[in-house]
Amino acid sequence: MPLFALATLVVNDHVLKQRHPGWVTGKLSDVAGMVFFPLFLLAVIDMGGRLLGRARFRRDRVLLMCAQATAIVFCAVKTWAPATELYEWGLGLLQWPFRALVAILGGGSPGAVGRVALVQDVTDLVAVPFVALALLVGVRRGPPRA
């Protein structure tokens, strides 16, 4: 499910929105993100804990915190201009190494870090309840760790 959500997000953002702009493609990435990001955060925390030798945590509680954090950040980005701008610059910074590599391999210049465009749309908040799918998937993947 997490990989399906990630694939949906990527294909929708880079193909479907350009070919079929509209309400459905506008919300599809938001829904996919609500499913993917809590599970991604949980995986990062789990790997970090293992690398640091601190893999003991209540997985169900951490998953709930990841879901809450995802929902809160999403709501802030979609409704509060400073959060939107921070997101635009942050994602631009994360994408820059990949864009620079493609440019260099193509014989061009890496260019500067730029911000991505994000439409601040309150109606995107209809995607927030889908964070519950991440909770269902995460709980089914394994028992809580003590």
Protein backbone atom coordinates (compact mmCIF):
# COMPACT_ATOMS: atom_id res chain seq x y z
CA MET A 1 0.00 0.00 0.00
CA PRO A 2 2.72 2.59 0.79
CA LEU A 3 4.49 1.96 -2.51
CA PHE A 4 1.19 2.14 -4.38
CA ALA A 5 0.45 5.47 -2.67
CA LEU A 6 3.92 6.79 -3.56
CA ALA A 7 3.57 5.67 -7.19
CA THR A 8 0.14 7.29 -7.37
CA LEU A 9 1.53 10.54 -6.00
CA VAL A 10 4.45 10.63 -8.46
CA VAL A 11 2.45 9.62 -11.54
CA ASN A 12 -0.35 12.02 -10.68
CA ASP A 13 1.99 14.97 -10.07
CA HIS A 14 4.18 14.40 -13.11
CA VAL A 15 1.78 12.99 -15.69
CA LEU A 16 -1.92 13.03 -14.89
CA LYS A 17 -2.21 16.63 -13.67
CA GLN A 18 -0.71 17.90 -16.94
CA ARG A 19 -2.81 15.63 -19.17
CA HIS A 20 -6.08 15.71 -17.23
CA PRO A 21 -6.23 18.77 -14.97
CA GLY A 22 -9.24 18.88 -12.72
CA TRP A 23 -10.69 18.23 -9.30
CA VAL A 24 -9.82 14.51 -9.18
CA THR A 25 -6.16 14.89 -10.14
CA GLY A 26 -5.96 17.89 -7.86
CA LYS A 27 -6.98 15.80 -4.84
CA LEU A 28 -5.43 12.45 -5.77
CA SER A 29 -1.89 13.40 -4.73
CA ASP A 30 -3.18 14.80 -1.46
CA VAL A 31 -4.95 11.53 -0.65
CA ALA A 32 -1.89 9.48 -1.65
CA GLY A 33 0.31 11.68 0.53
CA MET A 34 -1.97 11.19 3.53
CA VAL A 35 -1.47 7.44 3.17
CA PHE A 36 2.24 7.43 2.28
CA PHE A 37 3.87 10.02 4.54
CA PRO A 38 2.92 8.66 7.99
CA LEU A 39 4.25 5.24 6.96
CA PHE A 40 7.38 6.82 5.50
CA LEU A 41 8.01 8.75 8.71
CA LEU A 42 7.50 5.58 10.73
CA ALA A 43 10.03 3.74 8.56
CA VAL A 44 12.58 6.56 8.94
CA ILE A 45 12.14 6.58 12.72
CA ASP A 46 12.39 2.79 12.82
CA MET A 47 15.60 2.76 10.75
CA GLY A 48 17.07 5.60 12.77
CA GLY A 49 16.33 3.77 15.99
CA ARG A 50 17.94 0.59 14.71
CA LEU A 51 21.04 2.45 13.50
CA LEU A 52 21.40 4.13 16.88
CA GLY A 53 20.74 0.88 18.72
CA ARG A 54 17.49 2.24 20.12
CA ALA A 55 14.90 0.17 18.28
CA ARG A 56 12.65 -0.17 21.31
CA PHE A 57 9.51 1.90 20.97
CA ARG A 58 5.79 1.39 20.86
CA ARG A 59 5.26 1.19 17.12
CA ASP A 60 1.54 1.91 17.36
CA ARG A 61 2.12 5.13 19.32
CA VAL A 62 4.83 6.33 16.97
CA LEU A 63 2.59 5.57 13.99
CA LEU A 64 -0.19 7.64 15.56
CA MET A 65 2.23 10.54 16.11
CA CYS A 66 3.42 10.26 12.49
CA ALA A 67 -0.18 10.37 11.25
CA GLN A 68 -0.96 13.37 13.44
CA ALA A 69 2.19 15.20 12.30
CA THR A 70 1.34 14.53 8.65
CA ALA A 71 -2.19 15.87 9.06
CA ILE A 72 -1.07 18.96 11.00
CA VAL A 73 1.68 19.88 8.53
CA PHE A 74 -0.63 19.30 5.56
CA CYS A 75 -3.32 21.52 7.09
CA ALA A 76 -0.77 24.24 7.84
CA VAL A 77 0.69 24.15 4.32
CA LYS A 78 -2.76 24.34 2.74
CA THR A 79 -4.07 27.17 4.95
CA TRP A 80 -1.18 29.28 6.27
CA ALA A 81 1.04 31.30 3.90
CA PRO A 82 4.33 31.03 5.90
CA ALA A 83 3.97 27.22 5.99
CA THR A 84 3.19 27.17 2.27
CA GLU A 85 6.32 29.17 1.46
CA LEU A 86 8.50 27.01 3.72
CA TYR A 87 7.14 23.91 1.98
CA GLU A 88 7.80 25.38 -1.48
CA TRP A 89 11.42 26.18 -0.66
CA GLY A 90 11.99 22.95 1.30
CA LEU A 91 10.73 20.70 -1.47
CA GLY A 92 12.68 22.73 -4.02
CA LEU A 93 15.82 22.14 -1.97
CA LEU A 94 15.13 18.40 -1.76
CA GLN A 95 14.54 18.18 -5.52
CA TRP A 96 17.60 20.24 -6.50
CA PRO A 97 20.26 17.48 -6.36
CA PHE A 98 18.22 15.32 -8.76
CA ARG A 99 17.52 18.22 -11.12
CA ALA A 100 21.18 19.27 -10.98
CA LEU A 101 22.35 15.74 -11.79
CA VAL A 102 20.01 15.51 -14.79
CA ALA A 103 21.21 18.91 -16.01
CA ILE A 104 24.90 17.98 -15.61
CA LEU A 105 24.42 14.63 -17.34
CA GLY A 106 22.71 16.51 -20.17
CA GLY A 107 25.72 18.80 -20.51
CA GLY A 108 24.14 21.77 -18.79
CA SER A 109 24.64 23.74 -15.62
CA PRO A 110 23.19 22.51 -12.31
CA GLY A 111 21.35 25.79 -11.81
CA ALA A 112 20.23 27.30 -8.55
CA VAL A 113 17.86 25.93 -5.96
CA GLY A 114 14.35 27.07 -6.73
CA ARG A 115 11.02 26.78 -5.04
CA VAL A 116 8.25 24.54 -6.27
CA ALA A 117 4.79 25.86 -6.99
CA LEU A 118 2.02 24.91 -4.60
CA VAL A 119 -1.60 25.92 -4.85
CA GLN A 120 -2.93 26.85 -1.43
CA ASP A 121 -6.41 25.34 -1.57
CA VAL A 122 -8.53 24.81 1.53
CA THR A 123 -10.67 22.26 -0.33
CA ASP A 124 -7.62 19.95 -0.35
CA LEU A 125 -8.34 19.33 3.33
CA VAL A 126 -10.88 16.71 2.20
CA ALA A 127 -7.84 14.41 1.94
CA VAL A 128 -7.00 14.58 5.67
CA PRO A 129 -9.30 11.72 6.78
CA PHE A 130 -7.37 9.37 4.47
CA VAL A 131 -4.55 9.43 7.02
CA ALA A 132 -6.66 6.73 8.70
CA LEU A 133 -5.65 4.34 5.89
CA ALA A 134 -2.03 4.77 6.95
CA LEU A 135 -3.04 3.85 10.49
CA LEU A 136 -4.85 0.72 9.28
CA VAL A 137 -1.93 -0.37 7.10
CA GLY A 138 0.65 0.39 9.78
CA VAL A 139 -1.20 -1.47 12.51
CA ARG A 140 -1.64 -4.52 10.27
CA ARG A 141 2.06 -4.62 9.36
CA GLY A 142 3.18 -5.66 12.77
CA PRO A 143 2.60 -5.71 16.49
CA PRO A 144 3.68 -2.81 18.66
CA ARG A 145 7.25 -2.99 19.87
CA ALA A 146 7.91 -2.58 23.56
